[in-house]
N, C-alpha and C. Protein backbone atom coordinates (compact mmCIF):
# COMPACT_ATOMS: atom_id res chain seq x y z
N UNK A 1 0.84 -1.17 0.00
CA UNK A 1 0.00 0.00 0.00
C UNK A 1 0.89 1.24 0.00
N UNK A 2 0.47 2.25 -0.76
CA UNK A 2 1.24 3.47 -0.89
C UNK A 2 0.89 4.41 0.25
N UNK A 3 1.91 5.00 0.85
CA UNK A 3 1.70 5.93 1.96
C UNK A 3 1.19 7.26 1.42
N UNK A 4 0.56 8.03 2.29
CA UNK A 4 -0.04 9.31 1.91
C UNK A 4 1.01 10.28 1.39
N UNK A 5 2.18 10.32 2.02
CA UNK A 5 3.21 11.26 1.56
C UNK A 5 3.75 10.89 0.18
N UNK A 6 3.71 9.60 -0.15
CA UNK A 6 4.13 9.19 -1.50
C UNK A 6 3.11 9.63 -2.55
N UNK A 7 1.84 9.51 -2.20
CA UNK A 7 0.78 9.94 -3.11
C UNK A 7 0.87 11.45 -3.35
N UNK A 8 1.11 12.19 -2.27
CA UNK A 8 1.24 13.64 -2.40
C UNK A 8 2.46 13.98 -3.26
N UNK A 9 3.57 13.28 -3.06
CA UNK A 9 4.76 13.51 -3.86
C UNK A 9 4.54 13.22 -5.33
N UNK A 10 3.85 12.13 -5.60
CA UNK A 10 3.53 11.78 -6.99
C UNK A 10 2.61 12.84 -7.60
N UNK A 11 1.63 13.29 -6.81
CA UNK A 11 0.69 14.33 -7.28
C UNK A 11 1.41 15.62 -7.64
N UNK A 12 2.35 16.05 -6.79
CA UNK A 12 3.12 17.25 -7.09
C UNK A 12 4.00 17.05 -8.32
N UNK A 13 4.53 15.86 -8.48
CA UNK A 13 5.36 15.58 -9.66
C UNK A 13 4.55 15.67 -10.94
N UNK A 14 3.36 15.10 -10.92
CA UNK A 14 2.49 15.15 -12.10
C UNK A 14 2.05 16.60 -12.35
N UNK A 15 1.69 17.31 -11.29
CA UNK A 15 1.28 18.71 -11.43
C UNK A 15 2.41 19.56 -11.99
N UNK A 16 3.63 19.32 -11.53
CA UNK A 16 4.77 20.06 -12.03
C UNK A 16 5.06 19.80 -13.49
N UNK A 17 4.69 18.63 -13.98
CA UNK A 17 4.89 18.28 -15.38
C UNK A 17 3.76 18.80 -16.26
N UNK A 18 2.54 18.72 -15.76
CA UNK A 18 1.37 19.07 -16.57
C UNK A 18 1.18 20.58 -16.67
N UNK A 19 1.44 21.31 -15.61
CA UNK A 19 1.18 22.76 -15.60
C UNK A 19 1.92 23.50 -16.71
N UNK A 20 3.23 23.30 -16.92
CA UNK A 20 3.88 24.01 -18.04
C UNK A 20 3.32 23.61 -19.40
N UNK A 21 2.92 22.37 -19.56
CA UNK A 21 2.35 21.94 -20.84
C UNK A 21 1.01 22.62 -21.10
N UNK A 22 0.19 22.76 -20.08
CA UNK A 22 -1.09 23.45 -20.23
C UNK A 22 -0.85 24.92 -20.55
N UNK A 23 0.13 25.53 -19.90
CA UNK A 23 0.44 26.93 -20.17
C UNK A 23 0.88 27.14 -21.62
N UNK A 24 1.72 26.26 -22.12
CA UNK A 24 2.17 26.34 -23.52
C UNK A 24 0.98 26.17 -24.47
N UNK A 25 0.13 25.20 -24.17
CA UNK A 25 -1.03 24.93 -25.02
C UNK A 25 -1.95 26.15 -25.07
N UNK A 26 -2.22 26.77 -23.90
CA UNK A 26 -3.09 27.94 -23.87
C UNK A 26 -2.48 29.11 -24.63
N UNK A 27 -1.19 29.33 -24.44
CA UNK A 27 -0.51 30.43 -25.15
C UNK A 27 -0.61 30.23 -26.66
N UNK A 28 -0.35 29.02 -27.14
CA UNK A 28 -0.41 28.76 -28.58
C UNK A 28 -1.84 28.88 -29.11
N UNK A 29 -2.80 28.45 -28.32
CA UNK A 29 -4.19 28.51 -28.74
C UNK A 29 -4.62 29.97 -28.96
N UNK A 30 -4.30 30.84 -27.99
CA UNK A 30 -4.69 32.24 -28.13
C UNK A 30 -3.88 32.95 -29.20
N UNK A 31 -2.63 32.57 -29.40
CA UNK A 31 -1.82 33.16 -30.47
C UNK A 31 -2.40 32.77 -31.83
N UNK A 32 -2.81 31.52 -31.98
CA UNK A 32 -3.41 31.07 -33.24
C UNK A 32 -4.72 31.80 -33.49
N UNK A 33 -5.50 32.02 -32.45
CA UNK A 33 -6.75 32.75 -32.61
C UNK A 33 -6.50 34.18 -33.09
N UNK A 34 -5.49 34.86 -32.52
CA UNK A 34 -5.15 36.21 -32.96
C UNK A 34 -4.69 36.23 -34.41
N UNK A 35 -3.90 35.23 -34.80
CA UNK A 35 -3.42 35.19 -36.19
C UNK A 35 -4.56 34.92 -37.16
N UNK A 36 -5.53 34.11 -36.76
CA UNK A 36 -6.71 33.88 -37.62
C UNK A 36 -7.49 35.17 -37.79
N UNK A 37 -7.69 35.90 -36.70
CA UNK A 37 -8.40 37.18 -36.79
C UNK A 37 -7.63 38.16 -37.68
N UNK A 38 -6.31 38.17 -37.56
CA UNK A 38 -5.49 39.05 -38.40
C UNK A 38 -5.61 38.63 -39.87
N UNK A 39 -5.66 37.34 -40.14
CA UNK A 39 -5.84 36.87 -41.51
C UNK A 39 -7.16 37.32 -42.09
N UNK A 40 -8.22 37.25 -41.27
CA UNK A 40 -9.53 37.75 -41.72
C UNK A 40 -9.46 39.24 -42.05
N UNK A 41 -8.78 39.98 -41.20
CA UNK A 41 -8.61 41.43 -41.41
C UNK A 41 -7.89 41.70 -42.72
N UNK A 42 -6.83 40.96 -42.99
CA UNK A 42 -6.07 41.17 -44.21
C UNK A 42 -6.84 40.73 -45.44
N UNK A 43 -7.65 39.68 -45.33
CA UNK A 43 -8.49 39.27 -46.46
C UNK A 43 -9.48 40.38 -46.82
N UNK A 44 -10.04 41.01 -45.81
CA UNK A 44 -10.96 42.13 -46.07
C UNK A 44 -10.19 43.29 -46.69
N UNK A 45 -8.97 43.51 -46.22
CA UNK A 45 -8.16 44.62 -46.76
C UNK A 45 -7.86 44.43 -48.23
N UNK A 46 -7.79 43.19 -48.69
CA UNK A 46 -7.49 42.96 -50.10
C UNK A 46 -8.65 43.34 -51.01
N UNK A 47 -9.80 43.64 -50.44
CA UNK A 47 -10.92 44.08 -51.28
C UNK A 47 -10.83 45.56 -51.60
N UNK A 48 -9.83 46.23 -51.04
CA UNK A 48 -9.63 47.65 -51.35
C UNK A 48 -9.15 47.82 -52.78
N UNK A 49 -9.31 49.00 -53.35
CA UNK A 49 -8.89 49.21 -54.73
C UNK A 49 -7.36 49.11 -54.88
N UNK A 50 -6.89 48.74 -56.07
CA UNK A 50 -5.44 48.64 -56.31
C UNK A 50 -4.74 49.95 -55.98
N UNK A 51 -3.57 49.82 -55.41
CA UNK A 51 -2.79 50.98 -55.04
C UNK A 51 -3.00 51.41 -53.59
N UNK A 52 -3.96 50.79 -52.91
CA UNK A 52 -4.22 51.13 -51.51
C UNK A 52 -3.14 50.52 -50.63
N UNK A 53 -3.00 51.08 -49.46
CA UNK A 53 -2.01 50.58 -48.51
C UNK A 53 -2.67 50.48 -47.14
N UNK A 54 -2.48 49.34 -46.48
CA UNK A 54 -3.02 49.11 -45.14
C UNK A 54 -1.83 48.95 -44.21
N UNK A 55 -1.85 49.71 -43.12
CA UNK A 55 -0.76 49.61 -42.15
C UNK A 55 -1.35 49.23 -40.80
N UNK A 56 -0.72 48.27 -40.16
CA UNK A 56 -1.17 47.77 -38.87
C UNK A 56 -0.01 47.81 -37.90
N UNK A 57 -0.29 48.24 -36.68
CA UNK A 57 0.74 48.19 -35.65
C UNK A 57 0.34 47.11 -34.66
N UNK A 58 1.25 46.14 -34.48
CA UNK A 58 0.98 45.01 -33.60
C UNK A 58 1.26 45.37 -32.15
N UNK A 59 0.84 44.50 -31.26
CA UNK A 59 1.01 44.73 -29.82
C UNK A 59 2.47 44.86 -29.42
N UNK A 60 3.36 44.17 -30.13
CA UNK A 60 4.77 44.22 -29.77
C UNK A 60 5.50 45.42 -30.37
N UNK A 61 4.77 46.31 -31.05
CA UNK A 61 5.35 47.52 -31.59
C UNK A 61 5.77 47.43 -33.05
N UNK A 62 5.79 46.24 -33.62
CA UNK A 62 6.16 46.11 -35.03
C UNK A 62 5.01 46.58 -35.90
N UNK A 63 5.36 47.04 -37.09
CA UNK A 63 4.35 47.51 -38.04
C UNK A 63 4.31 46.59 -39.24
N UNK A 64 3.13 46.37 -39.72
CA UNK A 64 2.91 45.55 -40.90
C UNK A 64 2.24 46.42 -41.94
N UNK A 65 2.87 46.55 -43.11
CA UNK A 65 2.29 47.33 -44.20
C UNK A 65 2.01 46.41 -45.36
N UNK A 66 0.79 46.50 -45.86
CA UNK A 66 0.38 45.67 -46.99
C UNK A 66 -0.02 46.61 -48.12
N UNK A 67 0.65 46.45 -49.27
CA UNK A 67 0.29 47.20 -50.47
C UNK A 67 -0.69 46.36 -51.26
N UNK A 68 -1.82 46.93 -51.60
CA UNK A 68 -2.87 46.20 -52.30
C UNK A 68 -2.72 46.44 -53.79
N UNK A 69 -2.58 45.36 -54.53
CA UNK A 69 -2.51 45.45 -55.98
C UNK A 69 -1.28 46.21 -56.46
N UNK A 70 -1.38 46.67 -57.68
CA UNK A 70 -0.26 47.37 -58.31
C UNK A 70 -0.66 48.83 -58.49
N UNK A 71 0.17 49.70 -57.99
CA UNK A 71 -0.04 51.12 -58.20
C UNK A 71 0.89 51.54 -59.35
N UNK A 72 0.31 52.00 -60.44
CA UNK A 72 1.11 52.40 -61.59
C UNK A 72 1.57 53.82 -61.40
N UNK A 73 2.87 54.02 -61.56
CA UNK A 73 3.42 55.37 -61.47
C UNK A 73 4.17 55.68 -62.75
N UNK A 74 4.17 56.90 -63.11
CA UNK A 74 4.91 57.35 -64.27
C UNK A 74 6.29 57.77 -63.79
N UNK A 75 7.29 56.96 -64.07
CA UNK A 75 8.66 57.23 -63.60
C UNK A 75 9.50 57.71 -64.77
N UNK A 76 9.18 58.89 -65.27
CA UNK A 76 9.91 59.44 -66.42
C UNK A 76 11.11 60.23 -65.96
């Protein structure tokens, strides 16, 4: 028969192993959800007329600029 302190030790060992895995899973899940929403946003942005530009600033401070279509310029 297993003593109570052994059961508690095993429980803490399992908890110590499972907790970081759950944290990683949750972080990836919410990151994937944000990227899906961003993809939807960019798909809508592509419906803008050619030559349009969409600029987005992300939470980490980086900027994303998307040029829509081809803007023809006269470079004489």
